[in-house]
Amino acid sequence: VAGAESAAGVFATAGQRAGVESLAFGDTVPRALVLPGFDEHLLGYRDRSLVLDPAKAHLVDPGRNGVFRATVVLDGRVVGTWKRRLLKSTAPVDVTLFEPVNTRDRALITTAFTPWGHYIGLEPVVSFG
């Protein structure tokens, strides 16, 4: 594909600036991801039931008006939402999970905010509500 190599270089450079290594074809995607409100993981498909329980859709798009909240993804499924504040030296993050998760998965979710913290230049302080 023409230009794919240069596009991959742009993403690799952005990933390095954010303090994360780039993924190559065949690499494993992290189990926990924190995504912005309009990420195509959720919005790229008409039928979102593979990644979001339809009974929880109102928690991601509460007004049913297309304004989607930032999401927490675990093993490919949306399991919660997150909101952040930007302070002088930290970025408090409030995570709201749709269902309880075990301690190891909470740690994975917390760690998933590290690259974002590098990107914005602030320490994320994650709390679960």
N, C-alpha and C. Protein backbone atom coordinates (compact mmCIF):
# COMPACT_ATOMS: atom_id res chain seq x y z
N VAL A 1 0.86 -1.18 0.00
CA VAL A 1 0.00 0.00 0.00
C VAL A 1 0.90 1.24 0.00
N ALA A 2 0.69 2.07 -0.99
CA ALA A 2 1.50 3.28 -1.10
C ALA A 2 1.28 4.18 0.09
N GLY A 3 2.35 4.64 0.70
CA GLY A 3 2.25 5.57 1.82
C GLY A 3 2.07 4.90 3.17
N ALA A 4 1.82 3.60 3.18
CA ALA A 4 1.58 2.92 4.46
C ALA A 4 2.81 2.97 5.34
N GLU A 5 3.98 2.82 4.73
CA GLU A 5 5.21 2.83 5.51
C GLU A 5 5.43 4.19 6.17
N SER A 6 5.16 5.28 5.43
CA SER A 6 5.34 6.60 6.02
C SER A 6 4.30 6.86 7.10
N ALA A 7 3.07 6.38 6.89
CA ALA A 7 2.04 6.53 7.91
C ALA A 7 2.43 5.76 9.17
N ALA A 8 2.96 4.55 8.97
CA ALA A 8 3.40 3.75 10.12
C ALA A 8 4.50 4.48 10.88
N GLY A 9 5.39 5.15 10.15
CA GLY A 9 6.45 5.92 10.80
C GLY A 9 5.91 7.05 11.63
N VAL A 10 4.86 7.72 11.14
CA VAL A 10 4.24 8.81 11.90
C VAL A 10 3.68 8.28 13.20
N PHE A 11 2.96 7.15 13.13
CA PHE A 11 2.37 6.59 14.34
C PHE A 11 3.46 6.08 15.28
N ALA A 12 4.52 5.50 14.75
CA ALA A 12 5.61 5.03 15.60
C ALA A 12 6.24 6.20 16.32
N THR A 13 6.46 7.30 15.63
CA THR A 13 7.05 8.48 16.25
C THR A 13 6.14 9.03 17.34
N ALA A 14 4.84 9.10 17.06
CA ALA A 14 3.88 9.58 18.07
C ALA A 14 3.89 8.67 19.28
N GLY A 15 3.95 7.36 19.05
CA GLY A 15 3.98 6.41 20.16
C GLY A 15 5.22 6.56 21.00
N GLN A 16 6.36 6.79 20.36
CA GLN A 16 7.59 6.98 21.11
C GLN A 16 7.52 8.25 21.94
N ARG A 17 6.94 9.32 21.39
CA ARG A 17 6.79 10.56 22.16
C ARG A 17 5.89 10.34 23.36
N ALA A 18 4.91 9.46 23.22
CA ALA A 18 3.99 9.19 24.32
C ALA A 18 4.58 8.21 25.33
N GLY A 19 5.79 7.72 25.07
CA GLY A 19 6.42 6.82 26.02
C GLY A 19 6.02 5.37 25.87
N VAL A 20 5.49 5.00 24.71
CA VAL A 20 5.10 3.62 24.46
C VAL A 20 5.80 3.13 23.20
N GLU A 21 5.97 1.83 23.13
CA GLU A 21 6.55 1.26 21.93
C GLU A 21 5.45 1.02 20.92
N SER A 22 5.78 1.08 19.66
CA SER A 22 4.81 0.84 18.60
C SER A 22 4.53 -0.65 18.50
N LEU A 23 3.32 -0.97 18.07
CA LEU A 23 2.97 -2.35 17.81
C LEU A 23 3.27 -2.66 16.35
N ALA A 24 3.80 -3.82 16.10
CA ALA A 24 4.03 -4.29 14.74
C ALA A 24 2.98 -5.34 14.41
N PHE A 25 2.80 -5.60 13.13
CA PHE A 25 1.84 -6.62 12.70
C PHE A 25 2.13 -7.92 13.44
N GLY A 26 1.09 -8.50 14.03
CA GLY A 26 1.25 -9.75 14.76
C GLY A 26 1.48 -9.57 16.24
N ASP A 27 1.78 -8.34 16.69
CA ASP A 27 1.96 -8.11 18.12
C ASP A 27 0.62 -8.24 18.83
N THR A 28 0.69 -8.52 20.10
CA THR A 28 -0.51 -8.64 20.91
C THR A 28 -0.96 -7.26 21.38
N VAL A 29 -2.23 -6.99 21.25
CA VAL A 29 -2.79 -5.73 21.75
C VAL A 29 -2.93 -5.85 23.26
N PRO A 30 -2.64 -4.77 24.00
CA PRO A 30 -2.79 -4.84 25.46
C PRO A 30 -4.21 -5.23 25.86
N ARG A 31 -4.35 -5.95 26.97
CA ARG A 31 -5.68 -6.36 27.44
C ARG A 31 -6.54 -5.17 27.83
N ALA A 32 -5.93 -4.13 28.38
CA ALA A 32 -6.69 -2.96 28.82
C ALA A 32 -6.31 -1.76 27.97
N LEU A 33 -7.32 -1.05 27.50
CA LEU A 33 -7.14 0.18 26.73
C LEU A 33 -8.04 1.26 27.31
N VAL A 34 -7.58 2.50 27.26
CA VAL A 34 -8.42 3.64 27.62
C VAL A 34 -8.52 4.50 26.36
N LEU A 35 -9.73 4.68 25.89
CA LEU A 35 -9.95 5.32 24.59
C LEU A 35 -10.77 6.59 24.73
N PRO A 36 -10.56 7.54 23.83
CA PRO A 36 -11.35 8.78 23.88
C PRO A 36 -12.79 8.51 23.47
N GLY A 37 -13.63 9.49 23.69
CA GLY A 37 -15.06 9.33 23.46
C GLY A 37 -15.47 9.01 22.04
N PHE A 38 -14.73 9.43 21.07
CA PHE A 38 -15.14 9.21 19.69
C PHE A 38 -14.20 8.26 18.97
N ASP A 39 -13.69 7.26 19.68
CA ASP A 39 -12.76 6.31 19.07
C ASP A 39 -13.53 5.32 18.19
N GLU A 40 -12.91 4.92 17.08
CA GLU A 40 -13.57 4.04 16.14
C GLU A 40 -13.73 2.61 16.65
N HIS A 41 -13.06 2.24 17.75
CA HIS A 41 -13.28 0.92 18.34
C HIS A 41 -14.76 0.73 18.62
N LEU A 42 -15.41 1.78 19.05
CA LEU A 42 -16.83 1.73 19.35
C LEU A 42 -17.68 2.31 18.22
N LEU A 43 -17.25 3.42 17.66
CA LEU A 43 -18.09 4.12 16.70
C LEU A 43 -17.96 3.61 15.27
N GLY A 44 -16.98 2.79 14.99
CA GLY A 44 -16.72 2.37 13.62
C GLY A 44 -17.70 1.34 13.08
N TYR A 45 -18.67 0.93 13.88
CA TYR A 45 -19.57 -0.14 13.45
C TYR A 45 -21.02 0.22 13.79
N ARG A 46 -21.90 -0.16 12.90
CA ARG A 46 -23.33 0.07 13.15
C ARG A 46 -23.80 -0.81 14.31
N ASP A 47 -23.41 -2.09 14.27
CA ASP A 47 -23.76 -3.02 15.33
C ASP A 47 -22.59 -3.06 16.31
N ARG A 48 -22.76 -2.48 17.46
CA ARG A 48 -21.69 -2.38 18.46
C ARG A 48 -21.74 -3.49 19.50
N SER A 49 -22.63 -4.44 19.32
CA SER A 49 -22.85 -5.46 20.35
C SER A 49 -21.65 -6.37 20.58
N LEU A 50 -20.72 -6.45 19.63
CA LEU A 50 -19.52 -7.25 19.86
C LEU A 50 -18.58 -6.61 20.87
N VAL A 51 -18.63 -5.29 20.98
CA VAL A 51 -17.71 -4.60 21.89
C VAL A 51 -18.42 -3.94 23.07
N LEU A 52 -19.73 -3.81 23.00
CA LEU A 52 -20.48 -3.14 24.07
C LEU A 52 -21.82 -3.84 24.28
N ASP A 53 -22.07 -4.26 25.50
CA ASP A 53 -23.36 -4.85 25.84
C ASP A 53 -24.44 -3.82 25.56
N PRO A 54 -25.43 -4.13 24.69
CA PRO A 54 -26.47 -3.16 24.37
C PRO A 54 -27.19 -2.60 25.59
N ALA A 55 -27.26 -3.38 26.67
CA ALA A 55 -27.91 -2.91 27.89
C ALA A 55 -27.09 -1.83 28.59
N LYS A 56 -25.81 -1.69 28.21
CA LYS A 56 -24.93 -0.68 28.82
C LYS A 56 -24.70 0.52 27.89
N ALA A 57 -25.27 0.50 26.69
CA ALA A 57 -25.02 1.56 25.71
C ALA A 57 -25.39 2.93 26.25
N HIS A 58 -26.43 3.02 27.05
CA HIS A 58 -26.85 4.32 27.58
C HIS A 58 -25.81 4.90 28.55
N LEU A 59 -24.91 4.07 29.07
CA LEU A 59 -23.87 4.56 29.97
C LEU A 59 -22.72 5.21 29.20
N VAL A 60 -22.58 4.85 27.93
CA VAL A 60 -21.53 5.41 27.08
C VAL A 60 -22.07 6.61 26.30
N ASP A 61 -23.32 6.57 25.92
CA ASP A 61 -23.99 7.65 25.18
C ASP A 61 -25.26 8.01 25.95
N PRO A 62 -25.11 8.69 27.11
CA PRO A 62 -26.24 8.88 28.02
C PRO A 62 -27.40 9.67 27.43
N GLY A 63 -27.15 10.62 26.58
CA GLY A 63 -28.24 11.39 25.99
C GLY A 63 -28.79 10.79 24.72
N ARG A 64 -28.18 9.66 24.30
CA ARG A 64 -28.55 9.01 23.03
C ARG A 64 -28.53 10.03 21.90
N ASN A 65 -27.54 10.95 21.98
CA ASN A 65 -27.44 12.03 20.99
C ASN A 65 -26.11 12.00 20.24
N GLY A 66 -25.37 10.89 20.37
CA GLY A 66 -24.10 10.76 19.66
C GLY A 66 -22.91 11.38 20.36
N VAL A 67 -23.08 11.85 21.59
CA VAL A 67 -21.95 12.38 22.36
C VAL A 67 -21.49 11.25 23.29
N PHE A 68 -20.44 10.55 22.84
CA PHE A 68 -19.98 9.35 23.54
C PHE A 68 -18.91 9.71 24.57
N ARG A 69 -18.98 9.04 25.71
CA ARG A 69 -17.98 9.21 26.75
C ARG A 69 -16.71 8.42 26.41
N ALA A 70 -15.61 8.81 27.02
CA ALA A 70 -14.38 8.05 26.89
C ALA A 70 -14.60 6.67 27.51
N THR A 71 -13.99 5.64 26.92
CA THR A 71 -14.28 4.28 27.35
C THR A 71 -13.06 3.55 27.89
N VAL A 72 -13.34 2.58 28.75
CA VAL A 72 -12.35 1.64 29.26
C VAL A 72 -12.67 0.31 28.58
N VAL A 73 -11.66 -0.26 27.93
CA VAL A 73 -11.83 -1.51 27.19
C VAL A 73 -10.96 -2.57 27.85
N LEU A 74 -11.55 -3.73 28.09
CA LEU A 74 -10.82 -4.86 28.66
C LEU A 74 -11.11 -6.07 27.79
N ASP A 75 -10.07 -6.67 27.25
CA ASP A 75 -10.20 -7.83 26.36
C ASP A 75 -11.14 -7.54 25.20
N GLY A 76 -11.08 -6.33 24.66
CA GLY A 76 -11.86 -5.97 23.49
C GLY A 76 -13.27 -5.48 23.77
N ARG A 77 -13.74 -5.58 25.00
CA ARG A 77 -15.11 -5.17 25.35
C ARG A 77 -15.07 -3.89 26.18
N VAL A 78 -16.02 -3.01 25.93
CA VAL A 78 -16.15 -1.79 26.74
C VAL A 78 -16.71 -2.20 28.10
N VAL A 79 -15.95 -1.89 29.15
CA VAL A 79 -16.35 -2.29 30.51
C VAL A 79 -16.59 -1.10 31.42
N GLY A 80 -16.39 0.12 30.88
CA GLY A 80 -16.59 1.29 31.72
C GLY A 80 -16.29 2.57 30.95
N THR A 81 -16.39 3.68 31.67
CA THR A 81 -16.10 5.00 31.12
C THR A 81 -15.11 5.70 32.03
N TRP A 82 -14.51 6.79 31.51
CA TRP A 82 -13.58 7.55 32.34
C TRP A 82 -13.69 9.03 32.03
N LYS A 83 -13.43 9.83 33.06
CA LYS A 83 -13.38 11.30 32.95
C LYS A 83 -12.10 11.76 33.60
N ARG A 84 -11.55 12.84 33.08
CA ARG A 84 -10.31 13.36 33.63
C ARG A 84 -10.41 14.84 33.91
N ARG A 85 -9.54 15.28 34.82
CA ARG A 85 -9.33 16.70 35.08
C ARG A 85 -7.85 16.96 34.91
N LEU A 86 -7.50 18.14 34.48
CA LEU A 86 -6.09 18.48 34.32
C LEU A 86 -5.73 19.52 35.37
N LEU A 87 -4.85 19.14 36.28
CA LEU A 87 -4.37 20.05 37.32
C LEU A 87 -2.93 20.44 36.99
N LYS A 88 -2.32 21.18 37.89
CA LYS A 88 -0.97 21.69 37.63
C LYS A 88 0.05 20.57 37.43
N SER A 89 0.02 19.55 38.28
CA SER A 89 1.03 18.50 38.18
C SER A 89 0.46 17.09 38.05
N THR A 90 -0.85 16.95 38.13
CA THR A 90 -1.48 15.63 38.00
C THR A 90 -2.72 15.71 37.14
N ALA A 91 -3.18 14.55 36.75
CA ALA A 91 -4.43 14.44 35.99
C ALA A 91 -5.30 13.40 36.68
N PRO A 92 -6.16 13.83 37.62
CA PRO A 92 -7.06 12.87 38.26
C PRO A 92 -8.01 12.26 37.22
N VAL A 93 -8.14 10.94 37.30
CA VAL A 93 -9.00 10.20 36.37
C VAL A 93 -10.00 9.42 37.20
N ASP A 94 -11.28 9.62 36.90
CA ASP A 94 -12.36 8.88 37.57
C ASP A 94 -12.86 7.81 36.61
N VAL A 95 -12.70 6.54 36.99
CA VAL A 95 -13.15 5.42 36.19
C VAL A 95 -14.44 4.88 36.78
N THR A 96 -15.45 4.70 35.93
CA THR A 96 -16.71 4.09 36.33
C THR A 96 -16.86 2.79 35.57
N LEU A 97 -16.77 1.68 36.29
CA LEU A 97 -16.91 0.37 35.66
C LEU A 97 -18.37 -0.05 35.67
N PHE A 98 -18.78 -0.75 34.63
CA PHE A 98 -20.17 -1.22 34.53
C PHE A 98 -20.41 -2.41 35.45
N GLU A 99 -19.36 -3.19 35.69
CA GLU A 99 -19.43 -4.37 36.55
C GLU A 99 -18.11 -4.48 37.30
N PRO A 100 -18.10 -5.16 38.43
CA PRO A 100 -16.84 -5.31 39.16
C PRO A 100 -15.82 -6.10 38.34
N VAL A 101 -14.55 -5.76 38.50
CA VAL A 101 -13.46 -6.53 37.90
C VAL A 101 -12.49 -6.91 39.01
N ASN A 102 -11.67 -7.91 38.75
CA ASN A 102 -10.74 -8.35 39.78
C ASN A 102 -9.58 -7.37 39.95
N THR A 103 -8.80 -7.58 40.98
CA THR A 103 -7.70 -6.67 41.32
C THR A 103 -6.67 -6.59 40.20
N ARG A 104 -6.36 -7.69 39.57
CA ARG A 104 -5.38 -7.69 38.48
C ARG A 104 -5.87 -6.84 37.30
N ASP A 105 -7.17 -6.96 36.97
CA ASP A 105 -7.71 -6.17 35.87
C ASP A 105 -7.77 -4.68 36.21
N ARG A 106 -8.04 -4.36 37.47
CA ARG A 106 -7.98 -2.95 37.89
C ARG A 106 -6.58 -2.40 37.72
N ALA A 107 -5.58 -3.20 38.05
CA ALA A 107 -4.19 -2.77 37.88
C ALA A 107 -3.87 -2.57 36.40
N LEU A 108 -4.37 -3.45 35.54
CA LEU A 108 -4.16 -3.30 34.09
C LEU A 108 -4.80 -2.01 33.58
N ILE A 109 -6.00 -1.73 34.06
CA ILE A 109 -6.70 -0.51 33.65
C ILE A 109 -5.93 0.72 34.12
N THR A 110 -5.48 0.69 35.36
CA THR A 110 -4.70 1.81 35.89
C THR A 110 -3.44 2.02 35.07
N THR A 111 -2.74 0.96 34.76
CA THR A 111 -1.52 1.04 33.96
C THR A 111 -1.79 1.55 32.55
N ALA A 112 -2.97 1.27 32.02
CA ALA A 112 -3.30 1.72 30.66
C ALA A 112 -3.31 3.24 30.54
N PHE A 113 -3.41 3.95 31.64
CA PHE A 113 -3.38 5.41 31.61
C PHE A 113 -1.95 5.97 31.55
N THR A 114 -0.95 5.15 31.76
CA THR A 114 0.44 5.62 31.77
C THR A 114 0.85 6.29 30.46
N PRO A 115 0.63 5.66 29.29
CA PRO A 115 1.02 6.34 28.04
C PRO A 115 0.29 7.66 27.84
N TRP A 116 -0.97 7.72 28.23
CA TRP A 116 -1.73 8.97 28.12
C TRP A 116 -1.10 10.04 29.00
N GLY A 117 -0.69 9.66 30.22
CA GLY A 117 -0.02 10.60 31.12
C GLY A 117 1.27 11.13 30.52
N HIS A 118 2.05 10.25 29.89
CA HIS A 118 3.27 10.69 29.19
C HIS A 118 2.92 11.68 28.09
N TYR A 119 1.86 11.38 27.36
CA TYR A 119 1.46 12.22 26.23
C TYR A 119 1.08 13.63 26.68
N ILE A 120 0.32 13.72 27.78
CA ILE A 120 -0.11 15.05 28.23
C ILE A 120 0.88 15.69 29.19
N GLY A 121 1.89 14.94 29.60
CA GLY A 121 2.92 15.49 30.49
C GLY A 121 2.48 15.64 31.93
N LEU A 122 1.50 14.85 32.35
CA LEU A 122 1.02 14.87 33.73
C LEU A 122 0.90 13.46 34.25
N GLU A 123 1.01 13.31 35.55
CA GLU A 123 0.87 12.02 36.20
C GLU A 123 -0.62 11.69 36.36
N PRO A 124 -1.10 10.60 35.74
CA PRO A 124 -2.50 10.22 35.97
C PRO A 124 -2.68 9.63 37.36
N VAL A 125 -3.72 10.06 38.05
CA VAL A 125 -4.07 9.54 39.37
C VAL A 125 -5.46 8.92 39.21
N VAL A 126 -5.49 7.59 39.15
CA VAL A 126 -6.70 6.87 38.78
C VAL A 126 -7.46 6.45 40.03
N SER A 127 -8.77 6.71 40.00
CA SER A 127 -9.65 6.22 41.08
C SER A 127 -10.85 5.56 40.42
N PHE A 128 -11.37 4.56 41.12
CA PHE A 128 -12.53 3.81 40.63
C PHE A 128 -13.74 4.17 41.47
N GLY A 129 -14.80 4.58 40.78
CA GLY A 129 -16.01 4.99 41.48
C GLY A 129 -17.14 4.03 41.30
